């Protein structure tokens, strides 16, 4: 029987300033001087959808979801519930310079928003930022902001990642409602809504484009290195600026340049790194991942972005930095952001610290995935010799939409909307080198088509079109997930157009007493194939043998990337480098740093 889950606090959650929650500017890729943070205590209530609103029931600490410890609520919002929020705010004198925009970093899943009782808009989608123009609903003095949120969890078709009611094993307890920063900014009537910055190291230039709301005015651009102007220009639409004497961005040299754009009375700041991602043949003629036109081994980890006290929401900016920097100190140069889209500040820290990012699109589809249909096929693909893989691979086309939980046409359309929305949101992230539209068949459909759509929209990044199991032969990666069978790959030779990558593996289990989500439901222990260790020494020996005896020779044979599972323990999973509460580093930093020195090309 499952015992109640333990209350585990991270070091940052223990010392959280509840009067100053996540105060940092939330959009480093497009910065204005105008900023009011609305995080903090809000009123909340949870009622069944069949019942009328009956008043607020208490306080919730935004942006933490009601299910998590740090929210102060610790209640689950079911698919039959409505979650209500309320807070008041007043604008400082002179704040409004034309229009006032209300920003939400993310709200899971569907919400309607009112200001002073007036409907100002809504949004569907639990992982992407959105903003609403609330100018016409504002009044002098205090203003009242209210939200009503619903979340169908696995009862819907929407993107939800690994959330499931009840959560167990590799599926996690759900979150709902606001889980990223809420904030206000004021913009002139003509303003820059978004920008797209595309570096080109082959032509030594940067393409710059702005989406302008209001009058059709030209935009002036400057690219700067500190106080030094490297390039400047102006125009409507897209312009290209030439650069000379610049440095390439890489994990070893995460050099960033400032970008300033002005349009009428509006002024924004951004940044970029000069880098190029691609494929290249090495001296043996084998296809490798490339960074800046040279073969580059990507040595990474699966990063699910869960926190014991904040669940989807890191308790502080420093907490996010800690995860990234600790993995970098261990010698890793890449994180695969798994089935989640992080706040923009997380990507900014990867950019400035020098950590490559693989970005998963968030999985969805109707109901709980069919383990026999998808899982058995995948299991056979994993444990049998790779030359037999094609016999057990399922087609993800129309005839199998239902099998992959994608029979609903609107659900498929919503996936594409989210896919483009995710790319728009992260298009200017320097460190983001690869898109992953589907993982292990979860809600997968027409993966080759998705890869083509991504390629047309963003030709600057690589694609792992079907990570792990249900390979359709597309994208740039021959992608393997291997946890509990010999590390066997299809023979890598010079005829392969895709790079061979081990995109999930490892997951070695070690339980750290006193730092576990629930000691009675640890996933993988005593399960056939999963490796678990009772001593730290045994764990370190297992990792050493895995990396040096089994994987290092594969790198010389053409293996181009590794993604070890995982950065931290997550709920019932205890296979992380760190405990779920980040209180213990389970694998010594120096131990892995020494191993990873050998994984270079």
Protein backbone atom coordinates (compact mmCIF):
# COMPACT_ATOMS: atom_id res chain seq x y z
CA UNK A 1 0.00 0.00 0.00
CA UNK A 2 1.23 3.48 -0.87
CA UNK A 3 1.92 5.63 2.17
CA UNK A 4 1.36 9.40 2.10
CA UNK A 5 4.06 11.20 0.14
CA UNK A 6 6.80 12.89 2.10
CA UNK A 7 7.03 16.67 2.33
CA UNK A 8 10.44 17.45 0.88
CA UNK A 9 11.76 21.00 0.72
CA UNK A 10 14.61 22.15 -1.46
CA UNK A 11 17.20 24.49 0.12
CA UNK A 12 15.60 27.41 -1.73
CA UNK A 13 12.07 26.42 -0.74
CA UNK A 14 13.10 26.25 2.90
CA UNK A 15 14.28 29.86 2.75
CA UNK A 16 11.69 31.22 0.32
CA UNK A 17 10.81 34.89 0.76
CA UNK A 18 7.04 34.72 0.33
CA UNK A 19 6.92 38.50 -0.06
CA UNK A 20 9.33 38.46 -2.99
CA UNK A 21 8.59 35.40 -5.11
CA UNK A 22 10.55 34.93 -8.35
CA UNK A 23 11.00 38.69 -8.83
CA UNK A 24 13.44 38.47 -11.77
CA UNK A 25 12.44 39.85 -15.16
CA UNK A 26 10.79 36.85 -16.85
CA UNK A 27 11.64 37.46 -20.55
CA UNK A 28 15.40 38.00 -21.00
CA UNK A 29 15.15 37.51 -24.77
CA UNK A 30 13.03 40.68 -25.14
CA UNK A 31 13.50 43.17 -22.31
CA UNK A 32 11.72 46.46 -21.67
CA UNK A 33 12.19 48.83 -18.77
CA UNK A 34 8.46 48.58 -17.99
CA UNK A 35 7.76 45.81 -15.48
CA UNK A 36 5.40 45.06 -12.58
CA UNK A 37 5.59 41.59 -11.02
CA UNK A 38 2.25 40.16 -9.83
CA UNK A 39 3.62 37.06 -8.09
CA UNK A 40 2.74 36.61 -4.44
CA UNK A 41 -0.37 35.84 -2.42
CA UNK A 42 -3.65 35.67 -4.34
CA UNK A 43 -7.10 34.55 -3.23
CA UNK A 44 -8.13 31.14 -4.53
CA UNK A 45 -11.03 28.70 -4.53
CA UNK A 46 -11.72 25.26 -6.00
CA UNK A 47 -15.30 24.22 -6.81
CA UNK A 48 -16.84 21.46 -8.91
CA UNK A 49 -17.84 22.66 -12.38
CA UNK A 50 -21.39 21.60 -11.53
CA UNK A 51 -21.47 24.02 -8.60
CA UNK A 52 -21.66 27.81 -8.65
CA UNK A 53 -18.79 29.87 -7.29
CA UNK A 54 -19.28 30.28 -3.54
CA UNK A 55 -16.55 32.66 -2.49
CA UNK A 56 -12.82 32.43 -2.03
CA UNK A 57 -11.45 29.78 0.30
CA UNK A 58 -7.95 30.95 1.17
CA UNK A 59 -4.59 32.20 -0.08
CA UNK A 60 -2.33 30.69 -2.73
CA UNK A 61 1.25 31.71 -3.43
CA UNK A 62 1.47 32.42 -7.17
CA UNK A 63 3.09 31.14 -9.35
CA UNK A 64 3.08 27.79 -7.53
CA UNK A 65 0.32 25.38 -8.56
CA UNK A 66 -2.20 24.42 -5.85
CA UNK A 67 -0.97 20.82 -5.82
CA UNK A 68 2.52 21.71 -4.58
CA UNK A 69 3.86 22.43 -1.11
CA UNK A 70 5.05 25.98 -1.77
CA UNK A 71 1.60 27.13 -2.90
CA UNK A 72 0.32 26.76 0.65
CA UNK A 73 -2.73 24.90 -0.68
CA UNK A 74 -1.70 21.28 -1.41
CA UNK A 75 -4.98 20.34 -3.09
CA UNK A 76 -5.47 18.54 -6.39
CA UNK A 77 -7.64 20.18 -9.03
CA UNK A 78 -9.55 17.39 -10.79
CA UNK A 79 -10.86 17.44 -14.37
CA UNK A 80 -14.32 18.16 -12.91
CA UNK A 81 -13.19 21.25 -10.98
CA UNK A 82 -12.77 24.97 -11.60
CA UNK A 83 -9.84 26.78 -10.00
CA UNK A 84 -10.50 30.45 -9.27
CA UNK A 85 -7.93 33.19 -8.62
CA UNK A 86 -8.18 36.82 -7.53
CA UNK A 87 -5.83 39.65 -6.68
CA UNK A 88 -5.80 43.44 -6.88
CA UNK A 89 -3.17 45.76 -8.29
CA UNK A 90 -2.62 49.47 -8.82
CA UNK A 91 -0.52 51.06 -11.53
CA UNK A 92 2.13 53.60 -10.48
CA UNK A 93 1.72 57.11 -11.83
CA UNK A 94 3.20 57.37 -15.32
CA UNK A 95 3.34 53.61 -15.85
CA UNK A 96 0.87 53.57 -18.77
CA UNK A 97 2.61 54.93 -21.88
CA UNK A 98 -0.06 53.77 -24.33
CA UNK A 99 -1.24 50.21 -23.75
CA UNK A 100 -0.99 47.88 -20.75
CA UNK A 101 -0.31 44.19 -21.33
CA UNK A 102 -0.98 41.44 -18.79
CA UNK A 103 1.44 38.51 -19.17
CA UNK A 104 1.15 34.93 -17.97
CA UNK A 105 4.24 32.72 -18.27
CA UNK A 106 2.06 29.60 -18.29
CA UNK A 107 -1.37 28.49 -17.03
CA UNK A 108 -2.41 24.84 -17.17
CA UNK A 109 -4.70 24.42 -19.03
CA UNK A 110 -7.70 26.56 -20.08
CA UNK A 111 -8.39 29.93 -18.49
CA UNK A 112 -10.68 32.93 -18.75
CA UNK A 113 -9.45 36.29 -17.45
CA UNK A 114 -11.37 39.30 -16.17
CA UNK A 115 -10.20 42.73 -15.04
CA UNK A 116 -12.68 44.73 -12.96
CA UNK A 117 -15.41 42.28 -13.95
CA UNK A 118 -14.78 42.78 -17.66
CA UNK A 119 -13.74 39.83 -19.81
CA UNK A 120 -10.31 40.59 -21.32
CA UNK A 121 -9.55 37.24 -22.94
CA UNK A 122 -8.54 33.68 -22.34
CA UNK A 123 -6.07 31.03 -23.39
CA UNK A 124 -5.76 27.27 -23.93
CA UNK A 125 -2.46 25.45 -23.54
CA UNK A 126 -0.55 24.73 -20.37
CA UNK A 127 3.04 25.36 -21.45
CA UNK A 128 3.26 28.60 -23.41
CA UNK A 129 3.24 32.29 -22.42
CA UNK A 130 0.43 34.60 -23.48
CA UNK A 131 -0.49 38.23 -22.99
CA UNK A 132 -3.73 40.21 -22.97
CA UNK A 133 -4.28 43.91 -23.65
CA UNK A 134 -6.18 45.07 -20.56
CA UNK A 135 -5.95 48.83 -21.18
CA UNK A 136 -9.64 49.44 -21.75
CA UNK A 137 -10.66 47.53 -18.61
CA UNK A 138 -8.43 49.52 -16.24
CA UNK A 139 -9.55 52.20 -13.80
CA UNK A 140 -7.88 54.63 -11.42
CA UNK A 141 -6.68 53.15 -8.13
CA UNK A 142 -7.09 49.47 -7.35
CA UNK A 143 -7.95 47.03 -10.13
CA UNK A 144 -9.29 43.51 -9.60
CA UNK A 145 -7.84 40.64 -11.63
CA UNK A 146 -9.64 37.27 -11.65
CA UNK A 147 -9.10 33.95 -13.42
CA UNK A 148 -11.12 30.79 -13.84
CA UNK A 149 -9.07 27.72 -14.82
CA UNK A 150 -9.95 24.17 -15.84
CA UNK A 151 -7.58 21.29 -16.55
CA UNK A 152 -8.78 17.96 -18.02
CA UNK A 153 -5.47 16.20 -17.30
CA UNK A 154 -5.35 12.79 -19.06
CA UNK A 155 -9.08 12.94 -19.80
CA UNK A 156 -8.35 15.41 -22.62
CA UNK A 157 -6.29 15.43 -25.81
CA UNK A 158 -4.18 18.43 -24.85
CA UNK A 159 -0.44 18.56 -24.24
CA UNK A 160 0.15 17.50 -20.63
CA UNK A 161 3.50 15.71 -20.57
CA UNK A 162 3.81 13.10 -17.84
CA UNK A 163 0.95 14.41 -15.70
CA UNK A 164 -1.69 11.91 -14.69
CA UNK A 165 -4.26 11.90 -11.90
CA UNK A 166 -2.88 9.83 -9.04
CA UNK A 167 0.62 9.73 -10.54
CA UNK A 168 2.84 6.68 -10.05
CA UNK A 169 5.91 5.11 -11.60
CA UNK A 170 7.10 7.11 -14.61
CA UNK A 171 3.87 9.17 -14.60
CA UNK A 172 3.68 12.06 -12.20
CA UNK A 173 1.06 13.78 -10.08
CA UNK A 174 -0.55 16.63 -12.03
CA UNK A 175 -0.26 20.37 -11.65
CA UNK A 176 -2.85 22.95 -12.65
CA UNK A 177 -3.41 26.66 -12.89
CA UNK A 178 -0.76 29.37 -12.85
CA UNK A 179 2.77 27.94 -12.68
CA UNK A 180 4.93 30.70 -14.14
CA UNK A 181 5.33 34.40 -13.39
CA UNK A 182 2.41 36.82 -13.88
CA UNK A 183 3.41 40.38 -14.78
CA UNK A 184 2.45 43.68 -16.36
CA UNK A 185 4.20 45.91 -18.84
CA UNK A 186 3.22 49.05 -20.69
CA UNK A 187 4.05 49.65 -24.35
CA UNK A 188 3.56 52.57 -26.73
CA UNK A 189 0.71 52.29 -29.23
CA UNK A 190 3.31 51.26 -31.81
CA UNK A 191 5.60 48.63 -30.34
CA UNK A 192 7.76 45.62 -31.10
CA UNK A 193 5.73 42.52 -30.30
CA UNK A 194 8.39 39.91 -31.12
CA UNK A 195 11.77 39.54 -32.79
CA UNK A 196 13.61 36.80 -34.65
CA UNK A 197 17.41 36.76 -34.62
CA UNK A 198 19.20 34.28 -36.90
CA UNK A 199 23.01 34.08 -36.76
CA UNK A 200 24.92 32.86 -39.83
CA UNK A 201 28.58 32.12 -39.16
CA UNK A 202 29.18 31.06 -42.77
CA UNK A 203 28.26 34.50 -44.13
CA UNK A 204 29.37 36.35 -40.98
CA UNK A 205 26.02 38.05 -40.54
CA UNK A 206 22.86 38.15 -38.46
CA UNK A 207 19.33 38.26 -39.86
CA UNK A 208 17.02 40.43 -37.73
CA UNK A 209 13.26 40.73 -38.01
CA UNK A 210 10.66 42.40 -35.82
CA UNK A 211 6.90 42.01 -35.66
CA UNK A 212 5.58 45.54 -35.08
CA UNK A 213 2.09 46.37 -33.80
CA UNK A 214 0.65 49.77 -34.77
CA UNK A 215 2.13 52.09 -37.39
CA UNK A 216 4.32 50.75 -40.19
CA UNK A 217 7.59 52.18 -38.89
CA UNK A 218 11.13 51.05 -39.52
CA UNK A 219 13.15 49.39 -36.79
CA UNK A 220 16.71 50.42 -35.96
CA UNK A 221 19.06 47.70 -34.78
CA UNK A 222 22.40 47.58 -33.00
CA UNK A 223 24.55 44.56 -32.15
CA UNK A 224 26.93 45.35 -29.32
CA UNK A 225 29.80 43.84 -27.36
CA UNK A 226 29.62 45.73 -24.11
CA UNK A 227 29.78 49.42 -25.07
CA UNK A 228 31.22 48.68 -28.51
CA UNK A 229 28.83 48.74 -31.49
CA UNK A 230 29.68 45.82 -33.80
CA UNK A 231 26.97 46.49 -36.39
CA UNK A 232 23.94 48.70 -36.89
CA UNK A 233 21.21 49.22 -39.45
CA UNK A 234 17.56 50.06 -39.95
CA UNK A 235 14.65 48.94 -42.06
CA UNK A 236 11.19 47.48 -42.27
CA UNK A 237 10.91 43.73 -42.33
CA UNK A 238 14.05 41.59 -42.31
CA UNK A 239 17.54 43.08 -42.48
CA UNK A 240 21.00 41.49 -42.36
CA UNK A 241 23.95 42.95 -40.48
CA UNK A 242 27.53 41.88 -41.19
CA UNK A 243 29.89 41.12 -38.30
CA UNK A 244 33.68 40.95 -38.17
CA UNK A 245 36.05 39.87 -35.41
CA UNK A 246 33.43 38.01 -33.40
CA UNK A 247 33.63 34.88 -31.26
CA UNK A 248 31.68 31.68 -31.78
CA UNK A 249 29.31 30.61 -29.02
CA UNK A 250 29.91 27.14 -27.56
CA UNK A 251 29.57 25.42 -24.17
CA UNK A 252 33.27 26.07 -23.68
CA UNK A 253 32.93 29.75 -24.69
CA UNK A 254 29.33 30.94 -24.15
CA UNK A 255 29.93 34.35 -25.68
CA UNK A 256 26.78 36.46 -26.06
CA UNK A 257 26.30 39.79 -27.83
CA UNK A 258 23.72 42.40 -26.87
CA UNK A 259 21.03 43.44 -29.35
CA UNK A 260 19.10 46.71 -29.14
CA UNK A 261 16.03 47.47 -31.28
CA UNK A 262 14.06 50.72 -31.44
CA UNK A 263 10.80 51.48 -33.21
CA UNK A 264 9.22 54.88 -32.67
CA UNK A 265 9.03 55.35 -28.90
CA UNK A 266 9.60 51.67 -28.16
CA UNK A 267 12.98 50.24 -27.19
CA UNK A 268 13.82 46.61 -26.39
CA UNK A 269 16.99 44.72 -25.57
CA UNK A 270 17.94 41.15 -26.42
CA UNK A 271 21.06 39.08 -27.04
CA UNK A 272 22.42 36.41 -29.37
CA UNK A 273 25.26 33.95 -29.75
CA UNK A 274 27.00 33.27 -33.04
CA UNK A 275 26.79 29.51 -33.56
CA UNK A 276 25.75 26.88 -36.09
CA UNK A 277 24.24 23.43 -35.54
CA UNK A 278 24.32 20.69 -38.15
CA UNK A 279 25.56 17.30 -39.29
CA UNK A 280 29.04 16.60 -40.64
CA UNK A 281 31.12 13.63 -41.79
CA UNK A 282 34.17 12.90 -39.64
CA UNK A 283 37.54 11.66 -40.90
CA UNK A 284 36.12 8.11 -41.08
CA UNK A 285 33.15 9.28 -43.14
CA UNK A 286 30.72 8.77 -40.24
CA UNK A 287 27.86 11.23 -39.68
CA UNK A 288 28.37 13.29 -36.54
CA UNK A 289 26.60 16.13 -34.80
CA UNK A 290 28.38 19.38 -35.57
CA UNK A 291 28.83 22.66 -33.74
CA UNK A 292 30.28 25.58 -35.69
CA UNK A 293 31.16 23.30 -38.63
CA UNK A 294 33.18 20.84 -36.55
CA UNK A 295 32.26 17.42 -35.12
CA UNK A 296 31.12 17.89 -31.53
CA UNK A 297 30.15 15.18 -29.07
CA UNK A 298 27.04 16.06 -27.11
CA UNK A 299 27.18 14.50 -23.67
CA UNK A 300 23.93 15.15 -21.87
CA UNK A 301 21.23 14.29 -19.39
CA UNK A 302 17.47 13.99 -19.35
CA UNK A 303 16.09 17.00 -17.47
CA UNK A 304 12.42 16.85 -16.48
CA UNK A 305 12.34 20.06 -14.47
CA UNK A 306 10.46 18.81 -11.40
CA UNK A 307 10.97 20.11 -7.88
CA UNK A 308 9.93 18.41 -4.65
CA UNK A 309 8.35 21.56 -3.24
CA UNK A 310 7.35 23.50 -6.38
CA UNK A 311 6.65 20.60 -8.78
CA UNK A 312 6.73 22.33 -12.22
CA UNK A 313 7.95 25.61 -10.70
CA UNK A 314 11.50 26.12 -9.45
CA UNK A 315 11.34 27.88 -6.07
CA UNK A 316 13.87 30.54 -7.10
CA UNK A 317 16.01 31.65 -10.02
CA UNK A 318 19.04 30.40 -8.10
CA UNK A 319 17.51 26.91 -8.00
CA UNK A 320 17.33 26.76 -11.79
CA UNK A 321 20.91 27.97 -12.05
CA UNK A 322 22.03 25.33 -9.55
CA UNK A 323 20.78 22.43 -11.68
CA UNK A 324 22.39 23.74 -14.86
CA UNK A 325 25.70 24.71 -13.26
CA UNK A 326 26.02 21.46 -11.29
CA UNK A 327 25.55 19.39 -14.44
CA UNK A 328 28.08 21.57 -16.24
CA UNK A 329 30.54 21.12 -13.37
CA UNK A 330 30.09 17.36 -13.81
CA UNK A 331 31.34 17.74 -17.38
CA UNK A 332 28.04 17.53 -19.25
CA UNK A 333 27.42 19.93 -22.13
CA UNK A 334 23.78 19.25 -22.98
CA UNK A 335 20.38 18.89 -21.31
CA UNK A 336 17.39 17.31 -23.00
CA UNK A 337 14.40 19.24 -21.66
CA UNK A 338 11.95 16.39 -21.42
CA UNK A 339 8.22 16.78 -22.11
CA UNK A 340 8.11 20.27 -20.60
CA UNK A 341 8.71 23.89 -21.63
CA UNK A 342 10.56 25.88 -19.00
CA UNK A 343 10.30 29.58 -18.14
CA UNK A 344 12.38 31.70 -20.50
CA UNK A 345 14.89 32.46 -17.75
CA UNK A 346 15.95 28.79 -17.69
CA UNK A 347 16.96 28.99 -21.35
CA UNK A 348 18.72 32.30 -20.72
CA UNK A 349 20.84 30.64 -18.06
CA UNK A 350 21.71 27.82 -20.48
CA UNK A 351 22.73 30.46 -23.02
CA UNK A 352 24.99 32.39 -20.67
CA UNK A 353 26.42 29.39 -18.77
CA UNK A 354 27.04 27.33 -21.91
CA UNK A 355 24.67 24.36 -21.88
CA UNK A 356 23.24 22.95 -25.11
CA UNK A 357 19.49 22.21 -25.07
CA UNK A 358 17.41 19.56 -26.80
CA UNK A 359 13.77 20.61 -26.56
CA UNK A 360 10.92 18.10 -26.48
CA UNK A 361 7.49 19.09 -27.68
CA UNK A 362 5.06 18.30 -24.87
CA UNK A 363 3.21 15.03 -25.42
CA UNK A 364 -0.57 14.72 -25.49
CA UNK A 365 -3.32 12.58 -26.97
CA UNK A 366 -6.46 10.96 -25.64
CA UNK A 367 -6.34 9.17 -22.30
CA UNK A 368 -3.67 6.93 -20.80
CA UNK A 369 -1.33 5.51 -23.42
CA UNK A 370 -1.83 1.92 -24.56
CA UNK A 371 1.10 0.13 -22.97
CA UNK A 372 0.60 -3.08 -24.93
CA UNK A 373 0.39 -1.44 -28.30
CA UNK A 374 3.10 1.18 -27.93
CA UNK A 375 5.10 -0.27 -25.06
CA UNK A 376 5.42 -3.88 -26.24
CA UNK A 377 6.48 -2.82 -29.71
CA UNK A 378 9.01 -0.45 -28.20
CA UNK A 379 10.27 -3.08 -25.75
CA UNK A 380 10.96 -5.49 -28.59
CA UNK A 381 12.72 -2.75 -30.55
CA UNK A 382 14.91 -2.13 -27.50
CA UNK A 383 15.87 -5.65 -26.44
CA UNK A 384 16.20 -7.38 -29.80
CA UNK A 385 19.10 -6.97 -32.18
CA UNK A 386 18.66 -3.61 -33.96
CA UNK A 387 18.60 -5.28 -37.37
CA UNK A 388 15.13 -6.59 -36.43
CA UNK A 389 13.90 -3.18 -35.31
CA UNK A 390 12.00 -2.48 -38.51
CA UNK A 391 9.79 -5.55 -38.01
CA UNK A 392 8.35 -4.25 -34.72
CA UNK A 393 8.16 -0.58 -35.55
CA UNK A 394 4.62 0.76 -35.88
CA UNK A 395 3.56 3.14 -38.60
CA UNK A 396 2.29 6.39 -37.08
CA UNK A 397 0.09 7.29 -40.05
CA UNK A 398 -3.68 7.56 -40.36
CA UNK A 399 -4.41 3.86 -39.94
CA UNK A 400 -2.81 3.92 -36.48
CA UNK A 401 -4.06 7.28 -35.19
CA UNK A 402 -6.31 5.54 -32.68
CA UNK A 403 -3.55 3.18 -31.55
CA UNK A 404 -1.35 6.20 -30.79
CA UNK A 405 -4.26 8.03 -29.08
CA UNK A 406 -4.54 10.61 -31.88
CA UNK A 407 -7.93 9.80 -33.39
CA UNK A 408 -9.27 13.26 -32.52
CA UNK A 409 -8.70 15.72 -35.39
CA UNK A 410 -8.88 18.78 -33.13
CA UNK A 411 -6.30 17.22 -30.82
CA UNK A 412 -3.93 16.78 -33.76
CA UNK A 413 -4.55 20.38 -34.84
CA UNK A 414 -3.85 21.58 -31.31
CA UNK A 415 -0.56 19.68 -31.34
CA UNK A 416 0.54 21.64 -34.41
CA UNK A 417 -0.52 24.93 -32.82
CA UNK A 418 1.53 24.11 -29.74
CA UNK A 419 4.45 22.98 -31.90
CA UNK A 420 4.60 26.32 -33.72
CA UNK A 421 3.96 28.17 -30.48
CA UNK A 422 6.88 26.41 -28.81
CA UNK A 423 9.17 27.30 -31.70
CA UNK A 424 8.04 30.93 -31.65
CA UNK A 425 8.58 31.09 -27.90
CA UNK A 426 12.11 29.65 -28.02
CA UNK A 427 13.30 30.70 -31.47
CA UNK A 428 15.93 33.11 -30.12
CA UNK A 429 17.44 30.72 -27.57
CA UNK A 430 21.12 30.46 -28.49
CA UNK A 431 21.74 27.10 -26.79
CA UNK A 432 18.73 25.29 -28.28
CA UNK A 433 20.19 22.99 -30.93
CA UNK A 434 17.58 20.27 -31.51
CA UNK A 435 13.79 19.79 -31.56
CA UNK A 436 12.11 16.55 -30.45
CA UNK A 437 8.52 16.47 -31.77
CA UNK A 438 7.67 13.01 -30.35
CA UNK A 439 8.96 10.72 -27.62
CA UNK A 440 8.51 6.93 -27.39
CA UNK A 441 5.30 6.97 -29.39
CA UNK A 442 3.35 8.99 -26.80
CA UNK A 443 0.62 10.66 -28.82
CA UNK A 444 2.80 10.33 -31.91
CA UNK A 445 1.35 10.82 -35.40
CA UNK A 446 2.81 11.65 -38.80
CA UNK A 447 6.27 12.24 -37.33
CA UNK A 448 7.94 12.70 -40.71
CA UNK A 449 5.41 15.41 -41.59
CA UNK A 450 6.04 17.13 -38.25
CA UNK A 451 9.78 17.04 -38.90
CA UNK A 452 9.27 18.59 -42.33
CA UNK A 453 7.10 21.34 -40.85
CA UNK A 454 9.72 22.09 -38.21
CA UNK A 455 12.51 22.11 -40.81
CA UNK A 456 10.66 24.60 -42.99
CA UNK A 457 9.93 26.89 -40.05
CA UNK A 458 13.34 26.62 -38.41
CA UNK A 459 16.09 25.27 -40.70
CA UNK A 460 18.81 26.27 -38.21
CA UNK A 461 18.32 23.37 -35.78
CA UNK A 462 18.44 19.59 -35.86
CA UNK A 463 15.47 17.24 -35.36
CA UNK A 464 15.00 13.94 -33.52
CA UNK A 465 11.61 13.23 -35.06
CA UNK A 466 10.65 10.18 -32.94
CA UNK A 467 12.90 9.84 -29.96
CA UNK A 468 13.61 6.31 -28.88
CA UNK A 469 11.27 3.74 -30.25
CA UNK A 470 8.80 4.45 -33.03
CA UNK A 471 11.35 5.55 -35.64
CA UNK A 472 9.79 6.45 -38.99
CA UNK A 473 13.13 7.03 -40.73
CA UNK A 474 13.04 10.84 -40.69
CA UNK A 475 14.85 13.68 -38.98
CA UNK A 476 18.58 13.95 -38.33
CA UNK A 477 18.94 11.40 -35.52
CA UNK A 478 18.93 7.61 -35.44
CA UNK A 479 17.59 7.64 -31.90
CA UNK A 480 17.88 4.83 -29.35
CA UNK A 481 16.47 4.43 -25.83
CA UNK A 482 18.18 1.51 -24.11
CA UNK A 483 17.74 0.96 -20.37
CA UNK A 484 17.99 -2.72 -19.53
CA UNK A 485 19.47 -4.58 -22.46
CA UNK A 486 22.92 -4.71 -24.08
CA UNK A 487 23.96 -1.45 -25.73
CA UNK A 488 23.44 -2.53 -29.31
CA UNK A 489 22.97 -0.18 -32.25
CA UNK A 490 22.54 -0.68 -35.95
CA UNK A 491 26.00 -0.74 -37.51
CA UNK A 492 27.15 2.83 -38.01
CA UNK A 493 28.77 3.38 -41.38
CA UNK A 494 29.46 6.16 -43.85
CA UNK A 495 26.19 5.51 -45.68
CA UNK A 496 24.15 6.71 -42.70
CA UNK A 497 22.77 10.20 -43.29
CA UNK A 498 21.59 10.48 -39.68
CA UNK A 499 23.75 10.72 -36.58
CA UNK A 500 23.42 7.77 -34.21
CA UNK A 501 22.57 8.93 -30.69
CA UNK A 502 21.71 7.18 -27.43
CA UNK A 503 18.92 9.55 -26.50
CA UNK A 504 17.94 7.84 -23.21
CA UNK A 505 19.84 5.28 -21.15
CA UNK A 506 21.15 4.55 -17.69
CA UNK A 507 18.62 5.36 -15.02
CA UNK A 508 20.69 3.54 -12.40
CA UNK A 509 18.75 3.43 -9.14
CA UNK A 510 20.08 4.48 -5.77
CA UNK A 511 17.85 5.36 -2.82
CA UNK A 512 18.95 8.18 -0.53
CA UNK A 513 17.11 7.66 2.80
CA UNK A 514 15.33 10.74 4.09
CA UNK A 515 15.24 12.37 0.66
CA UNK A 516 12.70 10.22 -1.17
CA UNK A 517 9.23 11.22 -2.32
CA UNK A 518 7.76 7.92 -1.11
CA UNK A 519 9.80 4.95 0.14
CA UNK A 520 6.96 2.49 -0.52
CA UNK A 521 6.60 3.10 -4.27
CA UNK A 522 10.11 3.40 -5.70
CA UNK A 523 9.98 2.74 -9.44
CA UNK A 524 12.27 0.08 -10.89
CA UNK A 525 13.45 -1.62 -7.70
CA UNK A 526 13.09 -5.40 -7.99
CA UNK A 527 11.84 -5.01 -11.56
CA UNK A 528 13.55 -7.22 -14.16
CA UNK A 529 16.28 -5.41 -16.05
CA UNK A 530 16.46 -2.20 -14.04
CA UNK A 531 19.75 -1.87 -12.17
CA UNK A 532 19.59 -0.72 -8.57
CA UNK A 533 22.37 -0.41 -6.02
CA UNK A 534 22.34 -0.63 -2.24
CA UNK A 535 25.67 1.16 -1.76
CA UNK A 536 27.14 4.36 -3.16
CA UNK A 537 30.29 2.44 -4.09
CA UNK A 538 28.25 -0.02 -6.12
CA UNK A 539 26.48 2.80 -7.93
CA UNK A 540 29.75 4.53 -8.84
CA UNK A 541 31.26 1.28 -10.09
CA UNK A 542 28.16 0.67 -12.20
CA UNK A 543 28.37 4.12 -13.76
CA UNK A 544 32.11 3.79 -14.38
CA UNK A 545 31.68 0.47 -16.19
CA UNK A 546 28.72 1.76 -18.19
CA UNK A 547 30.53 4.86 -19.44
CA UNK A 548 34.12 3.68 -19.83
CA UNK A 549 33.74 0.01 -20.72
CA UNK A 550 30.54 0.06 -22.76
CA UNK A 551 29.98 3.57 -24.11
CA UNK A 552 33.42 4.99 -24.79
CA UNK A 553 34.21 2.39 -27.49
CA UNK A 554 30.86 3.18 -29.14
CA UNK A 555 31.85 6.84 -29.42
CA UNK A 556 34.89 5.83 -31.46
CA UNK A 557 32.60 3.73 -33.66
CA UNK A 558 30.36 6.70 -34.44
CA UNK A 559 28.02 7.29 -31.50
CA UNK A 560 27.38 11.06 -31.52
CA UNK A 561 25.42 11.89 -28.35
CA UNK A 562 24.43 10.54 -24.94
CA UNK A 563 21.41 11.41 -22.79
CA UNK A 564 21.68 9.82 -19.33
CA UNK A 565 18.54 9.51 -17.21
CA UNK A 566 18.52 11.85 -15.29
CA UNK A 567 19.35 15.18 -13.58
CA UNK A 568 17.34 14.54 -10.41
CA UNK A 569 15.03 12.03 -8.79
CA UNK A 570 11.39 12.74 -9.70
CA UNK A 571 8.60 11.50 -7.42
CA UNK A 572 8.72 7.66 -7.58
CA UNK A 573 11.89 7.64 -9.72
CA UNK A 574 15.18 7.63 -7.80
CA UNK A 575 17.68 7.49 -10.64
CA UNK A 576 18.92 11.07 -10.58
CA UNK A 577 22.30 12.70 -10.08
CA UNK A 578 20.57 14.75 -7.39
CA UNK A 579 17.85 13.88 -4.93
CA UNK A 580 14.36 15.20 -5.66
CA UNK A 581 14.81 17.86 -2.98
CA UNK A 582 18.31 18.84 -4.29
CA UNK A 583 19.65 18.39 -0.76
CA UNK A 584 22.08 15.62 -1.77
CA UNK A 585 24.37 15.24 -4.78
CA UNK A 586 24.18 11.47 -5.20
CA UNK A 587 27.01 11.25 -7.75
CA UNK A 588 30.09 13.27 -6.72
CA UNK A 589 30.75 16.12 -9.15
CA UNK A 590 34.45 15.29 -9.45
CA UNK A 591 33.70 11.62 -10.20
CA UNK A 592 31.66 12.40 -13.29
CA UNK A 593 33.89 15.28 -14.36
CA UNK A 594 36.82 12.84 -14.66
CA UNK A 595 34.76 10.37 -16.69
CA UNK A 596 33.34 13.01 -19.01
CA UNK A 597 36.79 14.39 -19.89
CA UNK A 598 37.20 11.32 -22.08
CA UNK A 599 34.03 11.90 -24.11
CA UNK A 600 35.39 14.33 -26.67
CA UNK A 601 35.88 14.19 -30.43
